């Protein structure tokens, strides 16, 4: 007698089994229909020899394969870093029987719903997925897998594993971008940013390639900008896990109200080397100028002085044949459109006093004076003189000869300081000068004559002026 048996069915008499072959010759097979998981196991083929016992003629293991459990994706790498390798495992349990089956578990993978198992850069080895070179586009990607044994029924799809790819700092930049311009005294905030995962958190600020740390916050605040704040600012961004540094820089230009200097020197009449030089230093280097000339005593503005540009921020006024009228206070006004943060002024100014040693100038216009015989009479002139070394000499015309007059009982010569009305470049001003007087005592008819007055100082002598003493009430 020949029998088939299994661990589940000691003697198969199930109507699901169909036997074929030559039992007497020991060549027989059977087909088991509607296989169940419980059918798994080892099947043996035996023949009974009566009282002699049972002879096992052969056997076969029946493996019943079913889909694996729904897998769970587990990370095999500690952290996902851009441009690095990353491994995932499609972890599941086999449900096939018997337990000691030799089926091999495999997997196939999708990212964002697209099959990646055969894509470049993705390597699948059984249940392990290796992403050979992570990129930023992988961040946030939804990875799923299915498991199967020897090309048999696949498992259900796993839950999505969200890729968290660490990257950065990338695209490091400073805002506001480009060259920054700020007025002195204002507040300046500049912010550094970079693209990082997790978000960038380590910032360092430096200026002009110096190693001095200015700040370690994302925003650098300069509360009171000065002209020394101008320069190139650099920001560096570091990542906690990635040995990469992001760098950005920007140029800060500080606009400030100009400082002004003036140069001048005193000179003499007709000294053509005299000049006034006005220099400005500010930002921007675009200046408007005004150069004024005022009187020394009253401060009245006499004129606006012309100038020529020499170089950026420098103007010069040249005196052409200067005279006493060029004496005065010269003020240079400059502005570049930037308010001075200390006082709010737009025009910055500086002044210098210039003394011109000029010839004396007789300001009085009266040339005829009157007196009576037996009385005293006076000839008077007003002299503007920028120096103190005025010399006045009086002469009397006696026919064709001149008689120099000296202090005596007859003549008294007086020079006294006084404020005079003088025209400087057609502007009437009140300036200190001198009054020169010739007093003639006990006048006789011979005293009614022409008198000549000479005035001079260390620069030179003014043209002599003729004065006439006349008899009161009539003309000679």
Protein backbone atom coordinates (compact mmCIF):
# COMPACT_ATOMS: atom_id res chain seq x y z
CA UNK A 1 0.00 0.00 0.00
CA UNK A 2 1.34 3.53 -0.90
CA UNK A 3 0.45 6.61 1.15
CA UNK A 4 1.01 10.39 1.04
CA UNK A 5 1.15 12.17 4.35
CA UNK A 6 2.04 15.58 5.74
CA UNK A 7 2.44 17.21 9.11
CA UNK A 8 -1.05 18.57 8.79
CA UNK A 9 -2.60 15.47 7.26
CA UNK A 10 -1.04 12.20 8.46
CA UNK A 11 -2.84 10.30 5.70
CA UNK A 12 -4.22 12.36 2.90
CA UNK A 13 -7.70 11.33 2.13
CA UNK A 14 -8.84 14.96 1.50
CA UNK A 15 -11.04 15.28 -1.50
CA UNK A 16 -8.91 18.32 -2.54
CA UNK A 17 -6.11 15.88 -3.44
CA UNK A 18 -5.99 14.28 -6.87
CA UNK A 19 -3.60 11.32 -7.34
CA UNK A 20 -1.99 10.25 -10.62
CA UNK A 21 0.69 7.75 -11.59
CA UNK A 22 1.49 4.02 -11.09
CA UNK A 23 1.09 3.19 -7.45
CA UNK A 24 2.36 -0.39 -7.86
CA UNK A 25 5.56 0.84 -9.39
CA UNK A 26 5.86 3.57 -6.79
CA UNK A 27 5.52 6.42 -9.25
CA UNK A 28 2.74 8.62 -8.10
CA UNK A 29 1.91 12.31 -7.70
CA UNK A 30 -0.95 14.31 -6.42
CA UNK A 31 -2.35 17.77 -6.94
CA UNK A 32 -3.69 19.74 -4.01
CA UNK A 33 -6.31 22.25 -5.01
CA UNK A 34 -7.47 25.33 -3.14
CA UNK A 35 -4.24 25.51 -1.13
CA UNK A 36 -4.55 26.92 2.38
CA UNK A 37 -1.90 28.36 4.65
CA UNK A 38 -2.45 25.35 6.87
CA UNK A 39 -1.37 23.09 4.01
CA UNK A 40 2.21 24.26 4.35
CA UNK A 41 4.69 21.67 5.52
CA UNK A 42 6.67 18.60 4.47
CA UNK A 43 4.91 15.92 2.45
CA UNK A 44 6.30 12.32 2.41
CA UNK A 45 5.62 9.33 0.12
CA UNK A 46 5.60 5.96 1.95
CA UNK A 47 4.87 2.34 1.08
CA UNK A 48 3.69 -0.33 3.53
CA UNK A 49 5.25 -3.85 3.35
CA UNK A 50 2.79 -5.51 5.57
CA UNK A 51 4.35 -6.82 8.71
CA UNK A 52 7.76 -5.65 7.54
CA UNK A 53 6.93 -1.93 8.31
CA UNK A 54 6.71 1.33 6.32
CA UNK A 55 9.27 2.44 3.80
CA UNK A 56 9.63 6.15 3.06
CA UNK A 57 10.10 6.53 -0.63
CA UNK A 58 10.40 10.36 -0.87
CA UNK A 59 9.16 13.73 0.27
CA UNK A 60 8.65 17.38 -0.64
CA UNK A 61 8.18 20.62 1.34
CA UNK A 62 5.18 22.72 0.43
CA UNK A 63 5.71 26.42 1.05
CA UNK A 64 2.59 28.53 1.05
CA UNK A 65 3.52 32.15 0.28
CA UNK A 66 1.33 35.09 1.27
CA UNK A 67 1.98 38.83 1.20
CA UNK A 68 4.23 40.15 4.00
CA UNK A 69 2.96 42.38 6.79
CA UNK A 70 2.58 46.06 5.94
CA UNK A 71 6.17 47.35 6.18
CA UNK A 72 7.50 50.21 8.25
CA UNK A 73 10.35 52.32 6.85
CA UNK A 74 13.25 52.71 9.25
CA UNK A 75 16.29 54.96 8.80
CA UNK A 76 19.63 53.13 8.87
CA UNK A 77 21.62 56.40 8.75
CA UNK A 78 21.84 58.69 11.75
CA UNK A 79 21.08 61.87 9.83
CA UNK A 80 20.28 62.87 6.25
CA UNK A 81 22.80 65.42 5.01
CA UNK A 82 22.82 66.99 1.57
CA UNK A 83 25.38 65.48 -0.83
CA UNK A 84 25.80 62.47 1.49
CA UNK A 85 24.56 58.88 1.32
CA UNK A 86 21.40 57.90 3.14
CA UNK A 87 19.90 54.45 3.77
CA UNK A 88 16.37 53.30 4.54
CA UNK A 89 15.08 49.83 5.36
CA UNK A 90 11.64 48.50 4.32
CA UNK A 91 11.13 46.54 7.54
CA UNK A 92 8.42 43.84 7.63
CA UNK A 93 7.65 40.29 8.80
CA UNK A 94 6.98 37.28 6.56
CA UNK A 95 3.63 35.56 6.89
CA UNK A 96 4.48 32.64 4.59
CA UNK A 97 4.61 29.10 5.97
CA UNK A 98 6.30 27.02 7.15
CA UNK A 99 8.35 29.27 9.37
CA UNK A 100 11.61 27.81 8.18
CA UNK A 101 10.97 28.62 4.54
CA UNK A 102 13.85 29.96 2.51
CA UNK A 103 12.05 32.77 0.66
CA UNK A 104 14.02 36.06 0.30
CA UNK A 105 12.38 39.38 1.09
CA UNK A 106 12.64 42.17 -1.50
CA UNK A 107 11.21 45.66 -1.86
CA UNK A 108 10.42 48.37 -4.33
CA UNK A 109 10.19 52.08 -3.56
CA UNK A 110 8.40 55.27 -4.50
CA UNK A 111 9.12 58.91 -3.73
CA UNK A 112 6.23 61.31 -3.99
CA UNK A 113 4.29 58.59 -5.77
CA UNK A 114 6.94 57.97 -8.45
CA UNK A 115 8.77 54.64 -8.69
CA UNK A 116 12.45 55.22 -7.92
CA UNK A 117 13.66 51.64 -7.63
CA UNK A 118 15.47 51.81 -10.97
CA UNK A 119 16.24 55.54 -11.01
CA UNK A 120 19.83 56.81 -11.14
CA UNK A 121 21.13 57.68 -7.70
CA UNK A 122 18.80 55.22 -5.99
CA UNK A 123 20.11 51.71 -5.21
CA UNK A 124 17.82 48.94 -3.92
CA UNK A 125 19.39 45.89 -2.29
CA UNK A 126 16.63 43.56 -1.08
CA UNK A 127 14.82 45.67 1.53
CA UNK A 128 17.40 48.47 1.75
CA UNK A 129 17.19 51.69 -0.28
CA UNK A 130 20.40 53.70 -0.63
CA UNK A 131 20.12 57.31 -1.82
CA UNK A 132 23.67 57.88 -2.97
CA UNK A 133 23.68 61.68 -3.12
CA UNK A 134 20.99 63.58 -1.22
CA UNK A 135 19.95 66.92 -2.62
CA UNK A 136 17.81 69.76 -1.37
CA UNK A 137 14.97 68.63 -3.61
CA UNK A 138 14.81 65.42 -1.57
CA UNK A 139 13.93 67.39 1.55
CA UNK A 140 10.31 66.82 2.48
CA UNK A 141 10.02 63.98 0.02
CA UNK A 142 7.49 61.25 0.90
CA UNK A 143 9.07 57.82 0.55
CA UNK A 144 6.99 54.62 0.59
CA UNK A 145 7.83 50.96 0.01
CA UNK A 146 6.22 47.58 -0.61
CA UNK A 147 7.79 44.26 0.39
CA UNK A 148 7.51 40.91 -1.41
CA UNK A 149 9.10 37.44 -1.31
CA UNK A 150 10.65 35.96 -4.46
CA UNK A 151 8.50 37.94 -6.88
CA UNK A 152 5.33 36.89 -5.15
CA UNK A 153 2.42 38.86 -3.75
CA UNK A 154 3.61 42.31 -2.51
CA UNK A 155 2.64 43.78 0.82
CA UNK A 156 0.44 46.76 1.31
CA UNK A 157 2.20 50.11 0.87
CA UNK A 158 3.95 51.49 3.93
CA UNK A 159 3.14 54.79 5.53
CA UNK A 160 5.12 57.70 4.06
CA UNK A 161 8.56 58.37 5.49
CA UNK A 162 9.28 62.11 5.30
CA UNK A 163 12.86 62.89 4.34
CA UNK A 164 14.41 65.58 6.50
CA UNK A 165 17.53 66.56 4.57
CA UNK A 166 19.95 68.85 6.37
CA UNK A 167 21.48 71.48 4.10
CA UNK A 168 23.02 74.92 4.05
CA UNK A 169 23.96 77.53 4.52
CA UNK A 170 23.02 78.30 0.92
CA UNK A 171 22.23 81.59 -0.81
CA UNK A 172 23.74 83.67 1.99
CA UNK A 173 22.88 87.34 1.53
CA UNK A 174 22.63 90.65 3.32
CA UNK A 175 19.60 92.90 3.16
CA UNK A 176 19.11 95.60 2.19
CA UNK A 177 21.14 94.40 -0.76
CA UNK A 178 23.64 96.33 -2.84
CA UNK A 179 25.60 99.33 -1.65
CA UNK A 180 23.96 100.97 1.35
CA UNK A 181 24.02 104.72 1.87
CA UNK A 182 23.11 106.27 5.21
CA UNK A 183 23.47 109.75 6.68
CA UNK A 184 25.73 110.25 9.66
CA UNK A 185 23.92 110.07 12.99
CA UNK A 186 21.18 107.77 11.72
CA UNK A 187 20.33 104.17 12.66
CA UNK A 188 21.48 101.38 10.35
CA UNK A 189 20.16 97.81 10.50
CA UNK A 190 21.55 95.17 8.17
CA UNK A 191 20.31 91.60 8.26
CA UNK A 192 22.10 88.43 7.21
CA UNK A 193 20.19 85.40 5.99
CA UNK A 194 20.95 81.98 4.61
CA UNK A 195 18.95 78.96 3.57
CA UNK A 196 19.49 76.17 6.09
CA UNK A 197 17.72 73.10 7.42
CA UNK A 198 17.35 73.31 10.33
CA UNK A 199 17.16 77.14 10.17
CA UNK A 200 20.50 78.97 10.32
CA UNK A 201 21.30 80.09 13.83
CA UNK A 202 25.00 80.99 13.99
CA UNK A 203 25.97 84.41 12.60
CA UNK A 204 29.17 86.46 12.75
CA UNK A 205 29.72 90.06 11.59
CA UNK A 206 33.07 91.62 10.61
CA UNK A 207 34.19 94.86 8.94
CA UNK A 208 36.90 95.52 6.37
CA UNK A 209 38.44 92.03 6.67
CA UNK A 210 39.30 92.69 10.31
CA UNK A 211 39.09 89.86 12.83
CA UNK A 212 37.24 91.91 15.44
CA UNK A 213 33.78 90.44 15.98
CA UNK A 214 31.10 93.12 15.64
CA UNK A 215 28.07 91.00 16.47
CA UNK A 216 26.65 87.49 16.58
CA UNK A 217 22.98 88.17 15.90
CA UNK A 218 21.23 87.85 12.59
CA UNK A 219 20.76 91.64 12.47
CA UNK A 220 23.64 94.05 13.01
CA UNK A 221 22.42 97.37 14.43
CA UNK A 222 24.59 100.51 14.30
CA UNK A 223 22.69 102.94 16.47
CA UNK A 224 24.63 106.11 15.72
CA UNK A 225 26.33 105.91 12.34
CA UNK A 226 29.54 107.89 12.03
CA UNK A 227 31.78 108.52 9.05
CA UNK A 228 34.06 105.83 10.45
CA UNK A 229 31.21 103.35 10.01
CA UNK A 230 31.78 103.35 6.25
CA UNK A 231 33.34 100.19 4.87
CA UNK A 232 32.75 96.63 3.75
CA UNK A 233 30.70 94.50 6.14
CA UNK A 234 30.89 90.70 6.00
CA UNK A 235 28.52 88.16 7.49
CA UNK A 236 29.32 84.47 7.97
CA UNK A 237 26.71 81.78 8.61
CA UNK A 238 27.56 78.37 10.09
CA UNK A 239 25.59 75.11 10.25
CA UNK A 240 25.36 72.95 13.34
CA UNK A 241 25.86 69.64 11.51
CA UNK A 242 27.48 70.58 8.21
CA UNK A 243 31.04 71.83 7.89
CA UNK A 244 30.09 74.62 5.53
CA UNK A 245 30.29 78.38 5.92
CA UNK A 246 28.14 80.86 4.01
CA UNK A 247 29.53 84.35 3.44
CA UNK A 248 28.03 87.57 2.14
CA UNK A 249 29.17 91.16 2.19
CA UNK A 250 27.89 94.64 1.51
CA UNK A 251 29.42 98.08 1.23
CA UNK A 252 28.18 100.85 3.52
CA UNK A 253 28.73 104.45 2.46
CA UNK A 254 28.13 107.17 5.04
CA UNK A 255 27.05 110.63 3.91
CA UNK A 256 28.17 113.39 6.24
CA UNK A 257 28.17 117.14 6.35
CA UNK A 258 31.51 118.60 5.22
CA UNK A 259 34.24 119.97 7.38
CA UNK A 260 35.65 123.16 5.90
CA UNK A 261 39.12 124.70 6.02
CA UNK A 262 40.24 128.09 4.75
CA UNK A 263 43.70 129.37 4.01
CA UNK A 264 44.73 132.97 3.48
CA UNK A 265 47.50 135.43 4.28
CA UNK A 266 47.92 139.13 4.61
CA UNK A 267 49.50 141.05 1.77
CA UNK A 268 50.27 144.35 0.22
CA UNK A 269 48.90 146.58 -2.47
CA UNK A 270 49.05 144.96 -5.95
CA UNK A 271 50.46 141.66 -4.60
CA UNK A 272 49.05 139.29 -7.24
CA UNK A 273 50.19 136.17 -5.37
CA UNK A 274 47.51 136.61 -2.72
CA UNK A 275 44.68 134.10 -2.66
CA UNK A 276 42.03 132.51 -0.46
CA UNK A 277 41.80 128.72 -0.54
CA UNK A 278 38.74 126.88 0.73
CA UNK A 279 38.77 123.10 1.17
CA UNK A 280 35.84 120.82 2.00
CA UNK A 281 35.79 117.20 3.07
CA UNK A 282 32.46 115.41 3.22
CA UNK A 283 30.34 112.76 1.56
CA UNK A 284 29.02 112.93 -1.06
CA UNK A 285 31.79 114.95 -2.63
CA UNK A 286 29.39 117.19 -4.48
CA UNK A 287 29.58 120.69 -3.04
CA UNK A 288 28.03 124.07 -3.59
CA UNK A 289 30.07 127.06 -2.43
CA UNK A 290 29.57 130.67 -1.50
CA UNK A 291 32.48 132.96 -0.67
CA UNK A 292 31.64 136.31 0.92
CA UNK A 293 33.62 139.40 1.83
CA UNK A 294 32.57 141.48 4.86
CA UNK A 295 33.94 144.59 6.49
CA UNK A 296 36.07 144.21 9.59
CA UNK A 297 34.30 146.66 11.84
CA UNK A 298 30.61 146.48 10.94
CA UNK A 299 30.43 143.01 9.45
CA UNK A 300 28.46 144.36 6.49
CA UNK A 301 28.64 142.07 3.49
CA UNK A 302 30.51 143.90 0.78
CA UNK A 303 30.33 141.38 -2.03
CA UNK A 304 30.19 137.77 -3.06
CA UNK A 305 33.59 136.71 -4.28
CA UNK A 306 34.23 134.68 -7.42
CA UNK A 307 36.29 131.51 -7.29
CA UNK A 308 37.60 128.69 -9.42
CA UNK A 309 37.64 124.95 -8.82
CA UNK A 310 41.06 123.44 -8.35
CA UNK A 311 40.18 119.85 -7.47
CA UNK A 312 37.43 117.92 -5.74
CA UNK A 313 36.44 119.92 -2.68
CA UNK A 314 38.93 122.78 -3.28
CA UNK A 315 38.26 126.30 -4.57
CA UNK A 316 40.57 129.32 -4.83
CA UNK A 317 39.96 133.04 -5.12
CA UNK A 318 42.88 134.99 -6.60
CA UNK A 319 43.27 138.67 -5.75
CA UNK A 320 43.97 140.71 -8.88
CA UNK A 321 45.82 143.90 -8.01
CA UNK A 322 44.46 143.98 -4.44
CA UNK A 323 43.88 147.27 -2.65
CA UNK A 324 42.76 148.36 0.78
CA UNK A 325 39.19 147.55 -0.31
CA UNK A 326 40.07 143.86 -0.24
CA UNK A 327 40.71 143.98 3.49
CA UNK A 328 37.99 142.19 5.43
CA UNK A 329 36.52 138.95 6.67
CA UNK A 330 36.20 136.17 4.07
CA UNK A 331 33.73 133.41 4.83
CA UNK A 332 33.47 130.19 2.88
CA UNK A 333 30.05 128.48 2.95
CA UNK A 334 29.81 124.87 1.78
CA UNK A 335 27.04 122.31 1.66
CA UNK A 336 26.67 118.88 0.09
CA UNK A 337 22.99 118.36 0.83
CA UNK A 338 23.58 116.51 4.12
CA UNK A 339 22.41 117.99 7.41
CA UNK A 340 24.91 118.14 10.24
CA UNK A 341 23.45 115.70 12.77
CA UNK A 342 24.91 117.69 15.69
CA UNK A 343 23.15 121.00 14.97
CA UNK A 344 20.85 120.34 12.01
CA UNK A 345 22.60 122.89 9.79
CA UNK A 346 23.02 122.47 6.06
CA UNK A 347 25.65 125.13 5.30
CA UNK A 348 29.03 124.69 6.97
CA UNK A 349 31.27 127.74 7.11
CA UNK A 350 34.68 128.92 8.12
CA UNK A 351 36.16 132.42 7.93
CA UNK A 352 39.51 134.14 7.76
CA UNK A 353 40.55 137.76 8.16
CA UNK A 354 42.67 139.29 5.41
CA UNK A 355 44.62 142.52 5.82
CA UNK A 356 45.77 144.29 2.69
CA UNK A 357 48.44 146.90 3.19
CA UNK A 358 47.13 149.46 0.73
CA UNK A 359 47.91 153.05 -0.06
CA UNK A 360 46.12 155.59 2.10
CA UNK A 361 42.87 156.85 0.63
CA UNK A 362 41.53 160.39 1.09
CA UNK A 363 37.79 160.02 1.49
CA UNK A 364 36.71 163.66 1.93
CA UNK A 365 35.57 165.51 -1.19
CA UNK A 366 35.70 169.10 0.13
CA UNK A 367 38.52 171.14 -1.44
CA UNK A 368 37.56 174.75 -0.49
CA UNK A 369 37.56 176.06 3.07
CA UNK A 370 36.64 179.57 4.34
CA UNK A 371 37.96 181.81 7.10
CA UNK A 372 38.13 185.49 8.18
CA UNK A 373 41.16 187.66 8.64
CA UNK A 374 42.27 187.70 12.25
CA UNK A 375 40.60 184.42 13.02
CA UNK A 376 41.71 180.82 12.86
CA UNK A 377 40.85 178.51 10.00
CA UNK A 378 41.10 174.77 9.39
CA UNK A 379 41.85 172.61 6.36
CA UNK A 380 40.54 169.09 7.00
CA UNK A 381 40.86 165.80 5.17
CA UNK A 382 39.61 162.32 6.04
CA UNK A 383 42.02 159.46 5.34
CA UNK A 384 41.24 155.74 5.32
CA UNK A 385 44.41 153.85 6.11
CA UNK A 386 44.59 150.14 6.96
CA UNK A 387 47.92 150.72 8.72
CA UNK A 388 48.85 152.77 11.74
CA UNK A 389 51.94 154.38 10.19
CA UNK A 390 50.18 157.29 8.49
CA UNK A 391 52.30 160.34 7.66
CA UNK A 392 50.59 163.59 6.62
CA UNK A 393 52.63 166.50 5.25
CA UNK A 394 51.21 169.96 4.51
CA UNK A 395 52.56 172.48 1.98
CA UNK A 396 51.60 176.06 1.15
CA UNK A 397 51.92 177.38 -2.40
CA UNK A 398 53.86 180.62 -2.44
CA UNK A 399 53.85 181.58 -6.09
CA UNK A 400 55.73 178.85 -7.87
CA UNK A 401 57.37 177.53 -4.69
CA UNK A 402 56.07 175.21 -1.96
CA UNK A 403 56.57 175.87 1.71
CA UNK A 404 56.51 172.84 3.95
CA UNK A 405 54.49 173.59 7.05
CA UNK A 406 55.52 172.48 10.51
CA UNK A 407 53.97 172.78 13.93
CA UNK A 408 54.50 176.32 15.18
CA UNK A 409 52.62 179.22 16.71
CA UNK A 410 51.16 179.80 13.27
CA UNK A 411 50.35 176.23 12.27
CA UNK A 412 49.08 173.31 14.22
CA UNK A 413 49.06 169.88 12.53
CA UNK A 414 46.74 167.29 14.05
CA UNK A 415 46.14 163.61 13.14
CA UNK A 416 43.31 161.94 15.06
CA UNK A 417 41.62 158.54 14.67
CA UNK A 418 37.93 158.52 13.76
CA UNK A 419 35.22 156.41 12.16
CA UNK A 420 34.82 157.25 8.49
CA UNK A 421 32.26 156.56 5.82
CA UNK A 422 34.08 154.59 3.12
CA UNK A 423 32.95 152.82 -0.01
CA UNK A 424 34.30 149.31 -0.48
CA UNK A 425 33.32 148.09 -3.93
CA UNK A 426 30.47 150.67 -3.97
CA UNK A 427 29.14 149.52 -0.62
CA UNK A 428 29.05 152.29 2.03
CA UNK A 429 30.53 151.13 5.30
CA UNK A 430 31.73 152.75 8.51
CA UNK A 431 35.41 152.02 9.07
CA UNK A 432 38.10 153.36 11.39
CA UNK A 433 40.41 155.93 9.83
CA UNK A 434 42.01 159.29 10.49
CA UNK A 435 41.17 162.98 10.32
CA UNK A 436 44.14 165.18 9.38
CA UNK A 437 43.76 168.85 10.22
CA UNK A 438 45.87 171.90 9.44
CA UNK A 439 44.91 174.72 11.79
CA UNK A 440 46.04 178.22 10.74
CA UNK A 441 46.02 180.81 13.53
CA UNK A 442 45.59 184.62 13.23
CA UNK A 443 44.84 184.49 9.55
CA UNK A 444 46.17 187.25 7.31
CA UNK A 445 45.46 187.92 3.67
CA UNK A 446 48.62 186.03 2.77
CA UNK A 447 47.10 182.85 4.22
CA UNK A 448 44.36 182.80 1.62
CA UNK A 449 46.14 180.51 -0.80
CA UNK A 450 46.44 176.98 -2.20
CA UNK A 451 47.62 174.24 0.11
CA UNK A 452 48.81 170.82 -0.82
CA UNK A 453 48.57 167.76 1.42
CA UNK A 454 50.61 164.58 1.04
CA UNK A 455 49.59 161.34 2.75
CA UNK A 456 51.69 158.19 2.85
CA UNK A 457 52.28 154.97 4.75
CA UNK A 458 54.79 152.13 4.49
CA UNK A 459 53.21 150.98 1.23
CA UNK A 460 53.64 154.30 -0.54
CA UNK A 461 52.34 157.81 -1.05
CA UNK A 462 48.93 158.79 -2.31
CA UNK A 463 48.67 161.45 -5.03
CA UNK A 464 48.78 164.89 -3.36
CA UNK A 465 45.52 166.79 -3.00
CA UNK A 466 45.10 170.52 -3.44
CA UNK A 467 43.01 172.45 -0.93
CA UNK A 468 42.20 176.14 -0.96
CA UNK A 469 41.62 178.52 1.88
CA UNK A 470 39.21 181.28 0.89
CA UNK A 471 37.95 184.45 2.54
CA UNK A 472 34.59 184.00 4.16
CA UNK A 473 31.75 185.44 2.13
CA UNK A 474 33.59 185.93 -1.15
CA UNK A 475 35.76 184.07 -3.69
CA UNK A 476 39.33 184.99 -4.40
